[in-house]
């Protein structure tokens, strides 16, 4: 189990952007039965920014964020 793992969604490309866009997962671990990475996020409210980053996680890495 790993906590607060950062995934780079959009890299910085000077001069327009000075920072990368990141998604920081609450928890990540390997599901040993299915042998794949699980990314979990504890959510109270789904904000528009979270929804965008969740979609980018799937588009860029093929990872479905599991909400708890």
C-alpha atoms as a PDB file:
ATOM      1  CA  UNK A   1       0.000   0.000   0.000  1.00  0.00           C
ATOM      2  CA  UNK A   2       1.367   3.388  -0.981  1.00  0.00           C
ATOM      3  CA  UNK A   3      -0.131   6.757  -0.044  1.00  0.00           C
ATOM      4  CA  UNK A   4      -0.186  10.087  -1.870  1.00  0.00           C
ATOM      5  CA  UNK A   5       1.306   8.809  -5.148  1.00  0.00           C
ATOM      6  CA  UNK A   6       1.550  11.516  -7.825  1.00  0.00           C
ATOM      7  CA  UNK A   7       0.745  10.864 -11.487  1.00  0.00           C
ATOM      8  CA  UNK A   8       1.796  13.436 -14.087  1.00  0.00           C
ATOM      9  CA  UNK A   9      -1.230  14.068 -16.308  1.00  0.00           C
ATOM     10  CA  UNK A  10       0.035  16.990 -18.389  1.00  0.00           C
ATOM     11  CA  UNK A  11       3.743  17.804 -18.492  1.00  0.00           C
ATOM     12  CA  UNK A  12       4.951  21.391 -18.267  1.00  0.00           C
ATOM     13  CA  UNK A  13       5.952  22.782 -21.633  1.00  0.00           C
ATOM     14  CA  UNK A  14       7.645  26.158 -21.454  1.00  0.00           C
ATOM     15  CA  UNK A  15       6.940  28.984 -21.934  1.00  0.00           C
ATOM     16  CA  UNK A  16       3.142  28.584 -21.592  1.00  0.00           C
ATOM     17  CA  UNK A  17       3.098  26.334 -18.532  1.00  0.00           C
ATOM     18  CA  UNK A  18       5.339  26.585 -15.533  1.00  0.00           C
ATOM     19  CA  UNK A  19       3.897  23.564 -13.700  1.00  0.00           C
ATOM     20  CA  UNK A  20       2.768  20.097 -14.561  1.00  0.00           C
ATOM     21  CA  UNK A  21      -0.806  18.975 -13.962  1.00  0.00           C
ATOM     22  CA  UNK A  22      -0.773  16.128 -11.457  1.00  0.00           C
ATOM     23  CA  UNK A  23      -3.244  13.775  -9.883  1.00  0.00           C
ATOM     24  CA  UNK A  24      -2.330  12.691  -6.364  1.00  0.00           C
ATOM     25  CA  UNK A  25      -3.938   9.388  -5.468  1.00  0.00           C
ATOM     26  CA  UNK A  26      -4.949   8.768  -1.884  1.00  0.00           C
ATOM     27  CA  UNK A  27      -3.934   5.095  -2.089  1.00  0.00           C
ATOM     28  CA  UNK A  28      -2.335   2.785  -4.647  1.00  0.00           C
ATOM     29  CA  UNK A  29      -1.648  -0.928  -4.448  1.00  0.00           C
ATOM     30  CA  UNK A  30      -1.302  -4.034  -6.602  1.00  0.00           C
ATOM     31  CA  UNK A  31      -4.315  -6.355  -6.799  1.00  0.00           C
ATOM     32  CA  UNK A  32      -2.538  -9.701  -6.596  1.00  0.00           C
ATOM     33  CA  UNK A  33      -5.502 -11.717  -7.914  1.00  0.00           C
ATOM     34  CA  UNK A  34      -5.767  -9.726 -11.132  1.00  0.00           C
ATOM     35  CA  UNK A  35      -2.165  -8.447 -11.124  1.00  0.00           C
ATOM     36  CA  UNK A  36      -2.904  -4.785 -11.841  1.00  0.00           C
ATOM     37  CA  UNK A  37      -2.465  -1.412 -10.191  1.00  0.00           C
ATOM     38  CA  UNK A  38      -5.413  -0.130  -8.166  1.00  0.00           C
ATOM     39  CA  UNK A  39      -5.778   3.606  -7.535  1.00  0.00           C
ATOM     40  CA  UNK A  40      -8.247   4.619  -4.820  1.00  0.00           C
ATOM     41  CA  UNK A  41      -9.513   8.043  -3.880  1.00  0.00           C
ATOM     42  CA  UNK A  42     -11.601   8.847  -0.813  1.00  0.00           C
ATOM     43  CA  UNK A  43     -14.278  11.269  -1.980  1.00  0.00           C
ATOM     44  CA  UNK A  44     -16.875  13.315  -0.192  1.00  0.00           C
ATOM     45  CA  UNK A  45     -17.670  15.595  -3.148  1.00  0.00           C
ATOM     46  CA  UNK A  46     -16.808  15.136  -6.826  1.00  0.00           C
ATOM     47  CA  UNK A  47     -15.559  18.515  -8.004  1.00  0.00           C
ATOM     48  CA  UNK A  48     -15.282  19.431 -11.706  1.00  0.00           C
ATOM     49  CA  UNK A  49     -11.467  19.420 -11.383  1.00  0.00           C
ATOM     50  CA  UNK A  50     -11.497  15.934  -9.849  1.00  0.00           C
ATOM     51  CA  UNK A  51     -13.781  14.675 -12.641  1.00  0.00           C
ATOM     52  CA  UNK A  52     -11.373  16.055 -15.255  1.00  0.00           C
ATOM     53  CA  UNK A  53      -8.325  14.510 -13.585  1.00  0.00           C
ATOM     54  CA  UNK A  54     -10.126  11.178 -13.215  1.00  0.00           C
ATOM     55  CA  UNK A  55     -10.869  11.203 -16.954  1.00  0.00           C
ATOM     56  CA  UNK A  56      -7.254  12.130 -17.745  1.00  0.00           C
ATOM     57  CA  UNK A  57      -6.015   9.223 -15.588  1.00  0.00           C
ATOM     58  CA  UNK A  58      -7.996   6.843 -17.785  1.00  0.00           C
ATOM     59  CA  UNK A  59      -7.042   8.529 -21.072  1.00  0.00           C
ATOM     60  CA  UNK A  60      -3.332   8.773 -20.294  1.00  0.00           C
ATOM     61  CA  UNK A  61      -2.675   5.634 -18.220  1.00  0.00           C
ATOM     62  CA  UNK A  62      -5.742   3.445 -18.704  1.00  0.00           C
ATOM     63  CA  UNK A  63      -6.381   3.563 -14.942  1.00  0.00           C
ATOM     64  CA  UNK A  64      -9.920   3.739 -13.570  1.00  0.00           C
ATOM     65  CA  UNK A  65      -9.825   5.555 -10.237  1.00  0.00           C
ATOM     66  CA  UNK A  66     -11.813   3.614  -7.643  1.00  0.00           C
ATOM     67  CA  UNK A  67     -13.812   5.929  -5.385  1.00  0.00           C
ATOM     68  CA  UNK A  68     -14.333   4.936  -1.763  1.00  0.00           C
END
